[in-house]
Protein backbone atom coordinates (compact mmCIF):
# COMPACT_ATOMS: atom_id res chain seq x y z
CA MET A 1 -56.54 -30.91 11.68
CA GLU A 2 -54.39 -33.31 9.25
CA PHE A 3 -57.05 -31.65 6.48
CA ARG A 4 -56.26 -28.30 7.08
CA PHE A 5 -51.98 -28.91 7.34
CA PHE A 6 -52.28 -30.79 3.96
CA THR A 7 -54.34 -27.81 2.69
CA ILE A 8 -51.96 -25.25 3.55
CA ALA A 9 -49.00 -27.59 2.31
CA CYS A 10 -50.97 -27.56 -0.87
CA PHE A 11 -51.46 -23.93 -1.33
CA THR A 12 -47.68 -23.30 -0.49
CA ALA A 13 -46.60 -25.64 -3.11
CA VAL A 14 -48.92 -23.92 -5.29
CA LEU A 15 -47.94 -20.52 -4.76
CA ALA A 16 -44.20 -21.41 -4.82
CA PHE A 17 -44.79 -23.39 -8.13
CA SER A 18 -46.18 -20.07 -9.70
CA CYS A 19 -43.54 -17.67 -8.47
CA ILE A 20 -41.14 -20.05 -10.02
CA SER A 21 -42.65 -20.29 -13.27
CA CYS A 22 -43.51 -16.47 -13.60
CA LYS A 23 -39.42 -15.82 -12.50
CA GLU A 24 -38.73 -18.46 -15.80
CA LYS A 25 -40.86 -16.78 -17.87
CA LYS A 26 -39.12 -13.18 -16.84
CA GLN A 27 -35.79 -14.73 -17.62
CA ASN A 28 -36.92 -16.16 -20.81
CA ASN A 29 -37.89 -12.34 -21.86
CA ASN A 30 -34.73 -10.98 -20.96
CA THR A 31 -35.93 -7.22 -21.51
CA GLU A 32 -34.21 -3.93 -19.42
CA GLU A 33 -38.86 -3.97 -18.79
CA ASP A 34 -38.64 -7.03 -17.51
CA GLU A 35 -35.48 -6.64 -15.42
CA GLN A 36 -37.19 -3.72 -13.56
CA THR A 37 -40.43 -4.82 -12.85
CA ALA A 38 -39.04 -8.44 -11.18
CA LEU A 39 -40.09 -8.26 -7.14
CA GLU A 40 -38.09 -10.20 -4.71
CA ALA A 41 -39.91 -13.30 -3.10
CA PRO A 42 -40.93 -12.00 0.44
CA ALA A 43 -38.13 -13.86 3.28
CA TYR A 44 -39.82 -16.46 5.60
CA SER A 45 -41.06 -15.84 8.86
CA ALA A 46 -41.31 -18.81 10.76
CA ASP A 47 -43.41 -16.62 13.29
CA SER A 48 -46.35 -15.42 10.63
CA ALA A 49 -46.23 -18.71 9.87
CA TYR A 50 -47.34 -19.48 12.78
CA TYR A 51 -49.33 -17.06 13.15
CA TYR A 52 -52.00 -17.99 9.78
CA VAL A 53 -51.71 -21.83 10.77
CA LYS A 54 -52.77 -20.74 14.54
CA ALA A 55 -55.60 -18.12 13.48
CA GLN A 56 -56.65 -20.71 10.79
CA THR A 57 -56.96 -23.89 13.57
CA ASP A 58 -58.58 -20.85 15.89
CA PHE A 59 -61.78 -21.26 14.01
CA GLY A 60 -62.00 -25.09 15.26
CA PRO A 61 -62.12 -27.93 12.80
CA GLY A 62 -62.69 -26.94 9.25
CA ILE A 63 -65.12 -29.55 8.24
CA PRO A 64 -67.12 -28.36 5.63
CA ASN A 65 -70.88 -27.08 5.70
CA THR A 66 -69.98 -25.46 9.44
CA MET A 67 -69.64 -22.17 10.69
CA ALA A 68 -65.77 -22.64 11.08
CA HIS A 69 -65.15 -23.48 7.47
CA GLU A 70 -67.01 -20.58 6.28
CA LYS A 71 -65.31 -18.45 8.96
CA CYS A 72 -61.54 -19.60 8.20
CA ALA A 73 -62.62 -19.04 4.15
CA ARG A 74 -63.72 -15.39 5.00
CA PHE A 75 -60.29 -14.96 7.08
CA LEU A 76 -58.27 -16.60 3.74
CA GLN A 77 -59.52 -14.28 1.55
CA GLU A 78 -59.25 -11.33 3.42
CA GLU A 79 -56.08 -12.19 3.85
CA LEU A 80 -54.62 -13.00 0.36
CA THR A 81 -56.77 -9.75 -0.60
CA LYS A 82 -54.45 -7.77 1.50
CA TYR A 83 -51.21 -9.06 -0.40
CA CYS A 84 -52.05 -10.20 -3.44
CA ASP A 85 -52.78 -8.33 -6.74
CA THR A 86 -56.11 -10.70 -7.67
CA VAL A 87 -58.02 -13.26 -5.32
CA ILE A 88 -60.33 -15.80 -6.44
CA MET A 89 -63.34 -17.36 -5.00
CA GLN A 90 -64.13 -20.73 -6.82
CA HIS A 91 -67.08 -21.73 -5.07
CA PHE A 92 -68.88 -25.65 -5.56
CA ASN A 93 -70.80 -28.41 -4.11
CA ALA A 94 -68.70 -31.68 -3.68
CA LYS A 95 -70.52 -35.24 -3.15
CA ALA A 96 -68.93 -37.12 0.20
CA PHE A 97 -68.81 -40.48 0.25
CA ASP A 98 -72.33 -40.85 1.94
CA GLY A 99 -74.00 -38.29 -0.82
CA THR A 100 -73.98 -35.04 1.42
CA MET A 101 -73.69 -32.38 -0.50
CA LEU A 102 -70.29 -30.47 0.93
CA LYS A 103 -70.11 -26.57 0.00
CA SER A 104 -66.79 -26.35 -0.90
CA CYS A 105 -64.47 -23.21 -2.22
CA ASN A 106 -61.05 -22.64 -4.03
CA ILE A 107 -59.46 -19.69 -2.76
CA ILE A 108 -56.68 -18.48 -5.15
CA GLY A 109 -54.48 -15.75 -4.56
CA ILE A 110 -52.16 -14.11 -7.93
CA PHE A 111 -49.48 -12.23 -7.58
CA ASN A 112 -47.89 -9.96 -10.35
CA PRO A 113 -50.48 -11.62 -13.02
CA GLN A 114 -48.85 -9.90 -15.82
CA CYS A 115 -47.10 -12.95 -16.32
CA GLU A 116 -49.20 -15.32 -17.23
């Protein structure tokens, strides 16, 4: 359970950082077109945050190589697809301390990719 909260915290930090860096780039390119396409960040909703945390934990322990882990990854991909411009799935295998190969995936949601 701590791993999930750590993952959620990392995801939130990356998302916040990417939004900040995009806004800084827009401010540096101070043109009319940039000002017209700038979007407001959605307001934080405690109810929405609780829903997503609960939905992830309802799958069960997010241990790699389990069905709960795979279902949660699919859920996150589907949800990000609803709200992001682009969703990237980076599948990889990681070796655990005991040599077990763990099927893993980074799920990246990109908002406003033209800022890059």
